[in-house]
Amino acid sequence: MTPIHIKLKHLRLKYQLTQVQVAERLNCSIPAYSKMETGSTDVNTFRLHQLAKIYNIEVFEIFLIGEDYRENYKDKIAGLSAELSKKSVEILQLQRKLIKFYEDSHYARLA
């Protein structure tokens, strides 16, 4: 996973903002924001919420910046869908066996 400070820079550049503009919106100094972007300072949750508000995104989306989760999930979903289809067939087969078992045992008692 890409470090958060790299994600912050990527996000800022994506929205075509300067460090000065982001720092002003965060109400912090330019060097303070620069330290966040270089990884010299940790980004706390309060700042993450502020940044999400600036970019009009959810906090968790900051962590997804630069990650290709959609492709990974497409493959995973396709695999799980295939597995689900197989399991559905197995369930139907087991249900049929169970019904046949009950019918056979019921008819055996009648005979």
PDB file of N, CA and C in Angstrom:
ATOM      1  N   MET A   1       0.848  -1.182   0.000  1.00  0.00           N
ATOM      2  CA  MET A   1       0.000   0.000   0.000  1.00  0.00           C
ATOM      3  C   MET A   1       0.891   1.242   0.000  1.00  0.00           C
ATOM      4  N   THR A   2       0.498   2.201  -0.780  1.00  0.00           N
ATOM      5  CA  THR A   2       1.246   3.450  -0.899  1.00  0.00           C
ATOM      6  C   THR A   2       1.145   4.249   0.408  1.00  0.00           C
ATOM      7  N   PRO A   3       2.271   4.820   0.869  1.00  0.00           N
ATOM      8  CA  PRO A   3       2.236   5.637   2.096  1.00  0.00           C
ATOM      9  C   PRO A   3       1.285   6.834   1.954  1.00  0.00           C
ATOM     10  N   ILE A   4       0.704   7.246   3.067  1.00  0.00           N
ATOM     11  CA  ILE A   4      -0.309   8.307   3.062  1.00  0.00           C
ATOM     12  C   ILE A   4       0.240   9.621   2.517  1.00  0.00           C
ATOM     13  N   HIS A   5       1.517   9.933   2.802  1.00  0.00           N
ATOM     14  CA  HIS A   5       2.039  11.222   2.334  1.00  0.00           C
ATOM     15  C   HIS A   5       2.104  11.275   0.809  1.00  0.00           C
ATOM     16  N   ILE A   6       2.348  10.163   0.165  1.00  0.00           N
ATOM     17  CA  ILE A   6       2.361  10.115  -1.303  1.00  0.00           C
ATOM     18  C   ILE A   6       0.943  10.262  -1.840  1.00  0.00           C
ATOM     19  N   LYS A   7      -0.001   9.678  -1.131  1.00  0.00           N
ATOM     20  CA  LYS A   7      -1.403   9.794  -1.526  1.00  0.00           C
ATOM     21  C   LYS A   7      -1.872  11.248  -1.439  1.00  0.00           C
ATOM     22  N   LEU A   8      -1.421  11.952  -0.400  1.00  0.00           N
ATOM     23  CA  LEU A   8      -1.812  13.357  -0.243  1.00  0.00           C
ATOM     24  C   LEU A   8      -1.304  14.205  -1.407  1.00  0.00           C
ATOM     25  N   LYS A   9      -0.068  13.971  -1.799  1.00  0.00           N
ATOM     26  CA  LYS A   9       0.485  14.727  -2.926  1.00  0.00           C
ATOM     27  C   LYS A   9      -0.266  14.386  -4.210  1.00  0.00           C
ATOM     28  N   HIS A  10      -0.518  13.102  -4.423  1.00  0.00           N
ATOM     29  CA  HIS A  10      -1.244  12.665  -5.617  1.00  0.00           C
ATOM     30  C   HIS A  10      -2.629  13.311  -5.667  1.00  0.00           C
ATOM     31  N   LEU A  11      -3.305  13.336  -4.530  1.00  0.00           N
ATOM     32  CA  LEU A  11      -4.637  13.920  -4.444  1.00  0.00           C
ATOM     33  C   LEU A  11      -4.593  15.419  -4.740  1.00  0.00           C
ATOM     34  N   ARG A  12      -3.627  16.101  -4.156  1.00  0.00           N
ATOM     35  CA  ARG A  12      -3.498  17.550  -4.383  1.00  0.00           C
ATOM     36  C   ARG A  12      -3.257  17.848  -5.853  1.00  0.00           C
ATOM     37  N   LEU A  13      -2.364  17.084  -6.465  1.00  0.00           N
ATOM     38  CA  LEU A  13      -2.064  17.299  -7.884  1.00  0.00           C
ATOM     39  C   LEU A  13      -3.263  16.956  -8.767  1.00  0.00           C
ATOM     40  N   LYS A  14      -3.986  15.922  -8.387  1.00  0.00           N
ATOM     41  CA  LYS A  14      -5.177  15.527  -9.141  1.00  0.00           C
ATOM     42  C   LYS A  14      -6.194  16.667  -9.176  1.00  0.00           C
ATOM     43  N   TYR A  15      -6.326  17.375  -8.059  1.00  0.00           N
ATOM     44  CA  TYR A  15      -7.267  18.488  -7.978  1.00  0.00           C
ATOM     45  C   TYR A  15      -6.629  19.819  -8.373  1.00  0.00           C
ATOM     46  N   GLN A  16      -5.412  19.745  -8.865  1.00  0.00           N
ATOM     47  CA  GLN A  16      -4.670  20.911  -9.369  1.00  0.00           C
ATOM     48  C   GLN A  16      -4.598  22.048  -8.345  1.00  0.00           C
ATOM     49  N   LEU A  17      -4.218  21.661  -7.135  1.00  0.00           N
ATOM     50  CA  LEU A  17      -4.041  22.642  -6.069  1.00  0.00           C
ATOM     51  C   LEU A  17      -2.565  22.740  -5.714  1.00  0.00           C
ATOM     52  N   THR A  18      -2.177  23.883  -5.174  1.00  0.00           N
ATOM     53  CA  THR A  18      -0.808  24.055  -4.693  1.00  0.00           C
ATOM     54  C   THR A  18      -0.778  23.735  -3.206  1.00  0.00           C
ATOM     55  N   GLN A  19       0.434  23.553  -2.686  1.00  0.00           N
ATOM     56  CA  GLN A  19       0.558  23.332  -1.238  1.00  0.00           C
ATOM     57  C   GLN A  19       0.046  24.547  -0.484  1.00  0.00           C
ATOM     58  N   VAL A  20       0.248  25.712  -1.030  1.00  0.00           N
ATOM     59  CA  VAL A  20      -0.219  26.951  -0.389  1.00  0.00           C
ATOM     60  C   VAL A  20      -1.747  26.916  -0.257  1.00  0.00           C
ATOM     61  N   GLN A  21      -2.433  26.528  -1.336  1.00  0.00           N
ATOM     62  CA  GLN A  21      -3.893  26.492  -1.306  1.00  0.00           C
ATOM     63  C   GLN A  21      -4.412  25.475  -0.292  1.00  0.00           C
ATOM     64  N   VAL A  22      -3.811  24.300  -0.265  1.00  0.00           N
ATOM     65  CA  VAL A  22      -4.261  23.270   0.680  1.00  0.00           C
ATOM     66  C   VAL A  22      -3.971  23.721   2.106  1.00  0.00           C
ATOM     67  N   ALA A  23      -2.795  24.269   2.338  1.00  0.00           N
ATOM     68  CA  ALA A  23      -2.440  24.746   3.680  1.00  0.00           C
ATOM     69  C   ALA A  23      -3.426  25.806   4.156  1.00  0.00           C
ATOM     70  N   GLU A  24      -3.798  26.728   3.280  1.00  0.00           N
ATOM     71  CA  GLU A  24      -4.768  27.766   3.647  1.00  0.00           C
ATOM     72  C   GLU A  24      -6.120  27.143   4.020  1.00  0.00           C
ATOM     73  N   ARG A  25      -6.549  26.166   3.246  1.00  0.00           N
ATOM     74  CA  ARG A  25      -7.839  25.530   3.514  1.00  0.00           C
ATOM     75  C   ARG A  25      -7.804  24.701   4.798  1.00  0.00           C
ATOM     76  N   LEU A  26      -6.621  24.193   5.145  1.00  0.00           N
ATOM     77  CA  LEU A  26      -6.462  23.442   6.392  1.00  0.00           C
ATOM     78  C   LEU A  26      -6.230  24.369   7.582  1.00  0.00           C
ATOM     79  N   ASN A  27      -6.019  25.639   7.282  1.00  0.00           N
ATOM     80  CA  ASN A  27      -5.695  26.630   8.306  1.00  0.00           C
ATOM     81  C   ASN A  27      -4.412  26.247   9.049  1.00  0.00           C
ATOM     82  N   CYS A  28      -3.408  25.864   8.260  1.00  0.00           N
ATOM     83  CA  CYS A  28      -2.103  25.546   8.840  1.00  0.00           C
ATOM     84  C   CYS A  28      -1.025  26.220   7.981  1.00  0.00           C
ATOM     85  N   SER A  29       0.189  26.197   8.471  1.00  0.00           N
ATOM     86  CA  SER A  29       1.271  26.832   7.713  1.00  0.00           C
ATOM     87  C   SER A  29       1.651  25.963   6.508  1.00  0.00           C
ATOM     88  N   ILE A  30       2.280  26.606   5.544  1.00  0.00           N
ATOM     89  CA  ILE A  30       2.733  25.886   4.351  1.00  0.00           C
ATOM     90  C   ILE A  30       3.763  24.827   4.736  1.00  0.00           C
ATOM     91  N   PRO A  31       4.754  25.166   5.592  1.00  0.00           N
ATOM     92  CA  PRO A  31       5.713  24.132   5.997  1.00  0.00           C
ATOM     93  C   PRO A  31       5.051  22.955   6.724  1.00  0.00           C
ATOM     94  N   ALA A  32       4.001  23.228   7.509  1.00  0.00           N
ATOM     95  CA  ALA A  32       3.303  22.149   8.228  1.00  0.00           C
ATOM     96  C   ALA A  32       2.655  21.200   7.230  1.00  0.00           C
ATOM     97  N   TYR A  33       2.013  21.772   6.202  1.00  0.00           N
ATOM     98  CA  TYR A  33       1.397  20.901   5.203  1.00  0.00           C
ATOM     99  C   TYR A  33       2.465  20.182   4.389  1.00  0.00           C
ATOM    100  N   SER A  34       3.524  20.877   4.059  1.00  0.00           N
ATOM    101  CA  SER A  34       4.619  20.272   3.295  1.00  0.00           C
ATOM    102  C   SER A  34       5.182  19.057   4.030  1.00  0.00           C
ATOM    103  N   LYS A  35       5.290  19.161   5.349  1.00  0.00           N
ATOM    104  CA  LYS A  35       5.782  18.035   6.153  1.00  0.00           C
ATOM    105  C   LYS A  35       4.837  16.845   6.083  1.00  0.00           C
ATOM    106  N   MET A  36       3.527  17.122   5.981  1.00  0.00           N
ATOM    107  CA  MET A  36       2.554  16.024   5.837  1.00  0.00           C
ATOM    108  C   MET A  36       2.779  15.312   4.507  1.00  0.00           C
ATOM    109  N   GLU A  37       3.024  16.106   3.461  1.00  0.00           N
ATOM    110  CA  GLU A  37       3.188  15.546   2.121  1.00  0.00           C
ATOM    111  C   GLU A  37       4.521  14.831   1.927  1.00  0.00           C
ATOM    112  N   THR A  38       5.513  15.187   2.723  1.00  0.00           N
ATOM    113  CA  THR A  38       6.816  14.525   2.596  1.00  0.00           C
ATOM    114  C   THR A  38       6.970  13.364   3.571  1.00  0.00           C
ATOM    115  N   GLY A  39       6.009  13.219   4.468  1.00  0.00           N
ATOM    116  CA  GLY A  39       6.065  12.125   5.426  1.00  0.00           C
ATOM    117  C   GLY A  39       6.845  12.466   6.673  1.00  0.00           C
ATOM    118  N   SER A  40       7.257  13.717   6.819  1.00  0.00           N
ATOM    119  CA  SER A  40       7.994  14.139   8.017  1.00  0.00           C
ATOM    120  C   SER A  40       7.082  14.228   9.236  1.00  0.00           C
ATOM    121  N   THR A  41       5.801  14.469   8.973  1.00  0.00           N
ATOM    122  CA  THR A  41       4.805  14.575  10.034  1.00  0.00           C
ATOM    123  C   THR A  41       3.684  13.591   9.759  1.00  0.00           C
ATOM    124  N   ASP A  42       3.215  12.928  10.800  1.00  0.00           N
ATOM    125  CA  ASP A  42       2.069  12.033  10.641  1.00  0.00           C
ATOM    126  C   ASP A  42       0.798  12.852  10.445  1.00  0.00           C
ATOM    127  N   VAL A  43      -0.122  12.299   9.703  1.00  0.00           N
ATOM    128  CA  VAL A  43      -1.405  12.960   9.460  1.00  0.00           C
ATOM    129  C   VAL A  43      -2.418  12.361  10.436  1.00  0.00           C
ATOM    130  N   ASN A  44      -2.980  13.210  11.286  1.00  0.00           N
ATOM    131  CA  ASN A  44      -3.945  12.708  12.267  1.00  0.00           C
ATOM    132  C   ASN A  44      -5.350  12.640  11.660  1.00  0.00           C
ATOM    133  N   THR A  45      -6.256  12.051  12.395  1.00  0.00           N
ATOM    134  CA  THR A  45      -7.609  11.846  11.868  1.00  0.00           C
ATOM    135  C   THR A  45      -8.340  13.162  11.626  1.00  0.00           C
ATOM    136  N   PHE A  46      -8.068  14.138  12.463  1.00  0.00           N
ATOM    137  CA  PHE A  46      -8.694  15.451  12.269  1.00  0.00           C
ATOM    138  C   PHE A  46      -8.296  16.012  10.912  1.00  0.00           C
ATOM    139  N   ARG A  47      -7.021  15.928  10.587  1.00  0.00           N
ATOM    140  CA  ARG A  47      -6.536  16.425   9.290  1.00  0.00           C
ATOM    141  C   ARG A  47      -7.103  15.605   8.139  1.00  0.00           C
ATOM    142  N   LEU A  48      -7.230  14.292   8.336  1.00  0.00           N
ATOM    143  CA  LEU A  48      -7.805  13.454   7.284  1.00  0.00           C
ATOM    144  C   LEU A  48      -9.238  13.882   6.981  1.00  0.00           C
ATOM    145  N   HIS A  49      -9.996  14.193   8.016  1.00  0.00           N
ATOM    146  CA  HIS A  49     -11.368  14.660   7.816  1.00  0.00           C
ATOM    147  C   HIS A  49     -11.388  16.010   7.102  1.00  0.00           C
ATOM    148  N   GLN A  50     -10.466  16.889   7.472  1.00  0.00           N
ATOM    149  CA  GLN A  50     -10.379  18.188   6.800  1.00  0.00           C
ATOM    150  C   GLN A  50     -10.030  18.001   5.317  1.00  0.00           C
ATOM    151  N   LEU A  51      -9.065  17.150   5.051  1.00  0.00           N
ATOM    152  CA  LEU A  51      -8.649  16.910   3.667  1.00  0.00           C
ATOM    153  C   LEU A  51      -9.798  16.307   2.854  1.00  0.00           C
ATOM    154  N   ALA A  52     -10.506  15.370   3.430  1.00  0.00           N
ATOM    155  CA  ALA A  52     -11.632  14.761   2.733  1.00  0.00           C
ATOM    156  C   ALA A  52     -12.680  15.822   2.388  1.00  0.00           C
ATOM    157  N   LYS A  53     -12.896  16.735   3.309  1.00  0.00           N
ATOM    158  CA  LYS A  53     -13.862  17.811   3.061  1.00  0.00           C
ATOM    159  C   LYS A  53     -13.377  18.731   1.942  1.00  0.00           C
ATOM    160  N   ILE A  54     -12.095  19.040   1.936  1.00  0.00           N
ATOM    161  CA  ILE A  54     -11.528  19.892   0.887  1.00  0.00           C
ATOM    162  C   ILE A  54     -11.749  19.277  -0.492  1.00  0.00           C
ATOM    163  N   TYR A  55     -11.515  17.967  -0.590  1.00  0.00           N
ATOM    164  CA  TYR A  55     -11.615  17.288  -1.884  1.00  0.00           C
ATOM    165  C   TYR A  55     -13.013  16.715  -2.146  1.00  0.00           C
ATOM    166  N   ASN A  56     -13.924  16.938  -1.203  1.00  0.00           N
ATOM    167  CA  ASN A  56     -15.296  16.461  -1.330  1.00  0.00           C
ATOM    168  C   ASN A  56     -15.353  14.940  -1.547  1.00  0.00           C
ATOM    169  N   ILE A  57     -14.599  14.232  -0.714  1.00  0.00           N
ATOM    170  CA  ILE A  57     -14.581  12.769  -0.750  1.00  0.00           C
ATOM    171  C   ILE A  57     -14.711  12.246   0.682  1.00  0.00           C
ATOM    172  N   GLU A  58     -14.893  10.952   0.814  1.00  0.00           N
ATOM    173  CA  GLU A  58     -14.928  10.322   2.128  1.00  0.00           C
ATOM    174  C   GLU A  58     -13.489  10.048   2.578  1.00  0.00           C
ATOM    175  N   VAL A  59     -13.269   9.974   3.876  1.00  0.00           N
ATOM    176  CA  VAL A  59     -11.925   9.744   4.415  1.00  0.00           C
ATOM    177  C   VAL A  59     -11.318   8.460   3.857  1.00  0.00           C
ATOM    178  N   PHE A  60     -12.101   7.384   3.787  1.00  0.00           N
ATOM    179  CA  PHE A  60     -11.549   6.119   3.310  1.00  0.00           C
ATOM    180  C   PHE A  60     -11.050   6.221   1.873  1.00  0.00           C
ATOM    181  N   GLU A  61     -11.624   7.145   1.093  1.00  0.00           N
ATOM    182  CA  GLU A  61     -11.197   7.298  -0.299  1.00  0.00           C
ATOM    183  C   GLU A  61      -9.762   7.820  -0.398  1.00  0.00           C
ATOM    184  N   ILE A  62      -9.316   8.530   0.610  1.00  0.00           N
ATOM    185  CA  ILE A  62      -7.930   9.005   0.629  1.00  0.00           C
ATOM    186  C   ILE A  62      -6.987   7.808   0.601  1.00  0.00           C
ATOM    187  N   PHE A  63      -7.345   6.771   1.340  1.00  0.00           N
ATOM    188  CA  PHE A  63      -6.497   5.585   1.403  1.00  0.00           C
ATOM    189  C   PHE A  63      -6.511   4.780   0.110  1.00  0.00           C
ATOM    190  N   LEU A  64      -7.528   4.983  -0.716  1.00  0.00           N
ATOM    191  CA  LEU A  64      -7.629   4.262  -1.979  1.00  0.00           C
ATOM    192  C   LEU A  64      -6.889   4.960  -3.124  1.00  0.00           C
ATOM    193  N   ILE A  65      -6.478   6.204  -2.901  1.00  0.00           N
ATOM    194  CA  ILE A  65      -5.788   6.956  -3.947  1.00  0.00           C
ATOM    195  C   ILE A  65      -4.530   6.200  -4.377  1.00  0.00           C
ATOM    196  N   GLY A  66      -4.386   6.030  -5.672  1.00  0.00           N
ATOM    197  CA  GLY A  66      -3.198   5.367  -6.208  1.00  0.00           C
ATOM    198  C   GLY A  66      -3.229   3.855  -6.127  1.00  0.00           C
ATOM    199  N   GLU A  67      -4.279   3.290  -5.573  1.00  0.00           N
ATOM    200  CA  GLU A  67      -4.401   1.837  -5.472  1.00  0.00           C
ATOM    201  C   GLU A  67      -5.391   1.366  -6.532  1.00  0.00           C
ATOM    202  N   ASP A  68      -5.132   0.233  -7.129  1.00  0.00           N
ATOM    203  CA  ASP A  68      -6.013  -0.289  -8.164  1.00  0.00           C
ATOM    204  C   ASP A  68      -6.892  -1.393  -7.595  1.00  0.00           C
ATOM    205  N   TYR A  69      -7.731  -1.022  -6.629  1.00  0.00           N
ATOM    206  CA  TYR A  69      -8.581  -2.000  -5.978  1.00  0.00           C
ATOM    207  C   TYR A  69      -9.694  -2.496  -6.889  1.00  0.00           C
ATOM    208  N   ARG A  70     -10.149  -1.631  -7.789  1.00  0.00           N
ATOM    209  CA  ARG A  70     -11.258  -2.035  -8.655  1.00  0.00           C
ATOM    210  C   ARG A  70     -10.908  -3.270  -9.470  1.00  0.00           C
ATOM    211  N   GLU A  71      -9.709  -3.295 -10.047  1.00  0.00           N
ATOM    212  CA  GLU A  71      -9.297  -4.451 -10.843  1.00  0.00           C
ATOM    213  C   GLU A  71      -9.193  -5.696  -9.973  1.00  0.00           C
ATOM    214  N   ASN A  72      -8.599  -5.535  -8.783  1.00  0.00           N
ATOM    215  CA  ASN A  72      -8.476  -6.674  -7.873  1.00  0.00           C
ATOM    216  C   ASN A  72      -9.853  -7.195  -7.481  1.00  0.00           C
ATOM    217  N   TYR A  73     -10.785  -6.284  -7.216  1.00  0.00           N
ATOM    218  CA  TYR A  73     -12.104  -6.704  -6.807  1.00  0.00           C
ATOM    219  C   TYR A  73     -12.883  -7.338  -7.948  1.00  0.00           C
ATOM    220  N   LYS A  74     -12.669  -6.863  -9.180  1.00  0.00           N
ATOM    221  CA  LYS A  74     -13.345  -7.474 -10.330  1.00  0.00           C
ATOM    222  C   LYS A  74     -12.977  -8.944 -10.427  1.00  0.00           C
ATOM    223  N   ASP A  75     -11.693  -9.239 -10.316  1.00  0.00           N
ATOM    224  CA  ASP A  75     -11.237 -10.628 -10.367  1.00  0.00           C
ATOM    225  C   ASP A  75     -11.800 -11.434  -9.199  1.00  0.00           C
ATOM    226  N   LYS A  76     -11.767 -10.834  -8.034  1.00  0.00           N
ATOM    227  CA  LYS A  76     -12.254 -11.525  -6.843  1.00  0.00           C
ATOM    228  C   LYS A  76     -13.760 -11.787  -6.951  1.00  0.00           C
ATOM    229  N   ILE A  77     -14.499 -10.797  -7.415  1.00  0.00           N
ATOM    230  CA  ILE A  77     -15.946 -10.949  -7.567  1.00  0.00           C
ATOM    231  C   ILE A  77     -16.267 -12.023  -8.595  1.00  0.00           C
ATOM    232  N   ALA A  78     -15.528 -12.029  -9.704  1.00  0.00           N
ATOM    233  CA  ALA A  78     -15.756 -13.050 -10.734  1.00  0.00           C
ATOM    234  C   ALA A  78     -15.507 -14.447 -10.163  1.00  0.00           C
ATOM    235  N   GLY A  79     -14.427 -14.591  -9.403  1.00  0.00           N
ATOM    236  CA  GLY A  79     -14.113 -15.879  -8.786  1.00  0.00           C
ATOM    237  C   GLY A  79     -15.173 -16.301  -7.785  1.00  0.00           C
ATOM    238  N   LEU A  80     -15.616 -15.364  -6.970  1.00  0.00           N
ATOM    239  CA  LEU A  80     -16.634 -15.671  -5.973  1.00  0.00           C
ATOM    240  C   LEU A  80     -17.983 -15.987  -6.630  1.00  0.00           C
ATOM    241  N   SER A  81     -18.281 -15.300  -7.723  1.00  0.00           N
ATOM    242  CA  SER A  81     -19.534 -15.585  -8.436  1.00  0.00           C
ATOM    243  C   SER A  81     -19.524 -16.996  -9.002  1.00  0.00           C
ATOM    244  N   ALA A  82     -18.394 -17.399  -9.570  1.00  0.00           N
ATOM    245  CA  ALA A  82     -18.279 -18.764 -10.108  1.00  0.00           C
ATOM    246  C   ALA A  82     -18.416 -19.790  -8.989  1.00  0.00           C
ATOM    247  N   GLU A  83     -17.767 -19.501  -7.857  1.00  0.00           N
ATOM    248  CA  GLU A  83     -17.848 -20.414  -6.708  1.00  0.00           C
ATOM    249  C   GLU A  83     -19.282 -20.491  -6.181  1.00  0.00           C
ATOM    250  N   LEU A  84     -19.967 -19.359  -6.161  1.00  0.00           N
ATOM    251  CA  LEU A  84     -21.354 -19.328  -5.711  1.00  0.00           C
ATOM    252  C   LEU A  84     -22.243 -20.155  -6.636  1.00  0.00           C
ATOM    253  N   SER A  85     -22.011 -20.057  -7.923  1.00  0.00           N
ATOM    254  CA  SER A  85     -22.789 -20.853  -8.881  1.00  0.00           C
ATOM    255  C   SER A  85     -22.596 -22.345  -8.636  1.00  0.00           C
ATOM    256  N   LYS A  86     -21.346 -22.748  -8.412  1.00  0.00           N
ATOM    257  CA  LYS A  86     -21.059 -24.162  -8.129  1.00  0.00           C
ATOM    258  C   LYS A  86     -21.772 -24.606  -6.850  1.00  0.00           C
ATOM    259  N   LYS A  87     -21.695 -23.769  -5.832  1.00  0.00           N
ATOM    260  CA  LYS A  87     -22.333 -24.111  -4.554  1.00  0.00           C
ATOM    261  C   LYS A  87     -23.847 -24.189  -4.710  1.00  0.00           C
ATOM    262  N   SER A  88     -24.417 -23.331  -5.530  1.00  0.00           N
ATOM    263  CA  SER A  88     -25.864 -23.366  -5.761  1.00  0.00           C
ATOM    264  C   SER A  88     -26.266 -24.689  -6.399  1.00  0.00           C
ATOM    265  N   VAL A  89     -25.471 -25.151  -7.359  1.00  0.00           N
ATOM    266  CA  VAL A  89     -25.735 -26.439  -8.000  1.00  0.00           C
ATOM    267  C   VAL A  89     -25.621 -27.560  -6.971  1.00  0.00           C
ATOM    268  N   GLU A  90     -24.596 -27.502  -6.136  1.00  0.00           N
ATOM    269  CA  GLU A  90     -24.421 -28.520  -5.094  1.00  0.00           C
ATOM    270  C   GLU A  90     -25.611 -28.528  -4.134  1.00  0.00           C
ATOM    271  N   ILE A  91     -26.092 -27.358  -3.767  1.00  0.00           N
ATOM    272  CA  ILE A  91     -27.234 -27.263  -2.856  1.00  0.00           C
ATOM    273  C   ILE A  91     -28.463 -27.884  -3.485  1.00  0.00           C
ATOM    274  N   LEU A  92     -28.701 -27.582  -4.759  1.00  0.00           N
ATOM    275  CA  LEU A  92     -29.857 -28.175  -5.447  1.00  0.00           C
ATOM    276  C   LEU A  92     -29.748 -29.697  -5.493  1.00  0.00           C
ATOM    277  N   GLN A  93     -28.555 -30.213  -5.763  1.00  0.00           N
ATOM    278  CA  GLN A  93     -28.359 -31.665  -5.802  1.00  0.00           C
ATOM    279  C   GLN A  93     -28.616 -32.284  -4.430  1.00  0.00           C
ATOM    280  N   LEU A  94     -28.123 -31.645  -3.383  1.00  0.00           N
ATOM    281  CA  LEU A  94     -28.341 -32.148  -2.028  1.00  0.00           C
ATOM    282  C   LEU A  94     -29.821 -32.079  -1.641  1.00  0.00           C
ATOM    283  N   GLN A  95     -30.505 -31.027  -2.053  1.00  0.00           N
ATOM    284  CA  GLN A  95     -31.935 -30.918  -1.774  1.00  0.00           C
ATOM    285  C   GLN A  95     -32.699 -32.057  -2.452  1.00  0.00           C
ATOM    286  N   ARG A  96     -32.341 -32.355  -3.696  1.00  0.00           N
ATOM    287  CA  ARG A  96     -32.989 -33.451  -4.412  1.00  0.00           C
ATOM    288  C   ARG A  96     -32.745 -34.781  -3.704  1.00  0.00           C
ATOM    289  N   LYS A  97     -31.494 -34.993  -3.265  1.00  0.00           N
ATOM    290  CA  LYS A  97     -31.180 -36.231  -2.538  1.00  0.00           C
ATOM    291  C   LYS A  97     -31.979 -36.330  -1.254  1.00  0.00           C
ATOM    292  N   LEU A  98     -32.090 -35.207  -0.552  1.00  0.00           N
ATOM    293  CA  LEU A  98     -32.834 -35.185   0.703  1.00  0.00           C
ATOM    294  C   LEU A  98     -34.311 -35.483   0.465  1.00  0.00           C
ATOM    295  N   ILE A  99     -34.885 -34.871  -0.551  1.00  0.00           N
ATOM    296  CA  ILE A  99     -36.291 -35.124  -0.887  1.00  0.00           C
ATOM    297  C   ILE A  99     -36.486 -36.594  -1.241  1.00  0.00           C
ATOM    298  N   LYS A 100     -35.582 -37.141  -2.060  1.00  0.00           N
ATOM    299  CA  LYS A 100     -35.666 -38.554  -2.446  1.00  0.00           C
ATOM    300  C   LYS A 100     -35.547 -39.445  -1.216  1.00  0.00           C
ATOM    301  N   PHE A 101     -34.640 -39.108  -0.300  1.00  0.00           N
ATOM    302  CA  PHE A 101     -34.478 -39.885   0.931  1.00  0.00           C
ATOM    303  C   PHE A 101     -35.776 -39.900   1.737  1.00  0.00           C
ATOM    304  N   TYR A 102     -36.382 -38.721   1.933  1.00  0.00           N
ATOM    305  CA  TYR A 102     -37.639 -38.646   2.678  1.00  0.00           C
ATOM    306  C   TYR A 102     -38.752 -39.408   1.969  1.00  0.00           C
ATOM    307  N   GLU A 103     -38.828 -39.257   0.660  1.00  0.00           N
ATOM    308  CA  GLU A 103     -39.859 -39.985  -0.088  1.00  0.00           C
ATOM    309  C   GLU A 103     -39.654 -41.492   0.025  1.00  0.00           C
ATOM    310  N   ASP A 104     -38.406 -41.951  -0.138  1.00  0.00           N
ATOM    311  CA  ASP A 104     -38.108 -43.393  -0.036  1.00  0.00           C
ATOM    312  C   ASP A 104     -38.440 -43.920   1.360  1.00  0.00           C
ATOM    313  N   SER A 105     -38.061 -43.160   2.386  1.00  0.00           N
ATOM    314  CA  SER A 105     -38.333 -43.638   3.748  1.00  0.00           C
ATOM    315  C   SER A 105     -39.833 -43.601   4.036  1.00  0.00           C
ATOM    316  N   HIS A 106     -40.536 -42.637   3.506  1.00  0.00           N
ATOM    317  CA  HIS A 106     -41.981 -42.552   3.699  1.00  0.00           C
ATOM    318  C   HIS A 106     -42.694 -43.722   3.007  1.00  0.00           C
ATOM    319  N   TYR A 107     -42.292 -44.007   1.764  1.00  0.00           N
ATOM    320  CA  TYR A 107     -42.907 -45.104   1.022  1.00  0.00           C
ATOM    321  C   TYR A 107     -42.511 -46.464   1.625  1.00  0.00           C
ATOM    322  N   ALA A 108     -41.327 -46.560   2.205  1.00  0.00           N
ATOM    323  CA  ALA A 108     -40.889 -47.804   2.827  1.00  0.00           C
ATOM    324  C   ALA A 108     -41.759 -48.096   4.053  1.00  0.00           C
ATOM    325  N   ARG A 109     -42.161 -47.073   4.792  1.00  0.00           N
ATOM    326  CA  ARG A 109     -43.015 -47.262   5.968  1.00  0.00           C
ATOM    327  C   ARG A 109     -44.428 -47.664   5.558  1.00  0.00           C
ATOM    328  N   LEU A 110     -44.865 -47.184   4.398  1.00  0.00           N
ATOM    329  CA  LEU A 110     -46.204 -47.538   3.925  1.00  0.00           C
ATOM    330  C   LEU A 110     -46.294 -48.954   3.387  1.00  0.00           C
ATOM    331  N   ALA A 111     -45.175 -49.478   2.949  1.00  0.00           N
ATOM    332  CA  ALA A 111     -45.185 -50.799   2.325  1.00  0.00           C
ATOM    333  C   ALA A 111     -45.188 -51.917   3.314  1.00  0.00           C
TER     334      ALA A 111
END
